[in-house]
Amino acid sequence: MGVKTSKKTKPQRPARDEFEMEELGNAVVEAHREKSEVNIK
């Protein structure tokens, strides 16, 4: 019977929220190293 085998799928891109959180995390780490502040708007 017409059972399809697994399709090849592209790796999923991270959601925009995940990207934003990673960028924010990088800014916090950099500010900590430089002993400065991060302004979040």
Protein backbone atom coordinates (compact mmCIF):
# COMPACT_ATOMS: atom_id res chain seq x y z
CA MET A 1 0.00 0.00 0.00
CA GLY A 2 1.26 3.53 -0.61
CA VAL A 3 3.23 4.14 2.58
CA LYS A 4 5.82 6.87 2.12
CA THR A 5 9.22 6.61 3.72
CA SER A 6 10.75 9.47 5.68
CA LYS A 7 11.25 12.72 3.80
CA LYS A 8 14.48 14.60 3.87
CA THR A 9 13.97 17.71 5.96
CA LYS A 10 16.13 20.77 6.33
CA PRO A 11 17.51 21.50 9.77
CA GLN A 12 15.15 23.99 11.37
CA ARG A 13 16.36 27.53 11.86
CA PRO A 14 16.11 28.86 15.39
CA ALA A 15 13.06 30.97 16.03
CA ARG A 16 13.52 34.74 16.05
CA ASP A 17 12.99 34.76 19.82
CA GLU A 18 15.84 32.28 20.28
CA PHE A 19 18.10 34.47 18.13
CA GLU A 20 17.18 37.58 20.12
CA MET A 21 17.85 35.77 23.43
CA GLU A 22 21.25 34.62 22.21
CA GLU A 23 22.16 38.17 21.15
CA LEU A 24 21.01 39.53 24.51
CA GLY A 25 23.04 36.88 26.33
CA ASN A 26 26.14 37.76 24.32
CA ALA A 27 25.67 41.46 25.17
CA VAL A 28 25.36 40.66 28.89
CA VAL A 29 28.49 38.48 28.87
CA GLU A 30 30.46 41.16 27.02
CA ALA A 31 29.26 43.87 29.43
CA HIS A 32 30.23 41.71 32.39
CA ARG A 33 33.73 41.23 31.00
CA GLU A 34 34.09 44.96 30.39
CA LYS A 35 32.46 45.84 33.70
CA SER A 36 29.90 48.00 31.91
CA GLU A 37 26.10 48.10 31.71
CA VAL A 38 23.62 46.90 29.12
CA ASN A 39 20.59 49.09 28.37
CA ILE A 40 17.54 47.13 27.27
CA LYS A 41 14.91 49.13 25.39
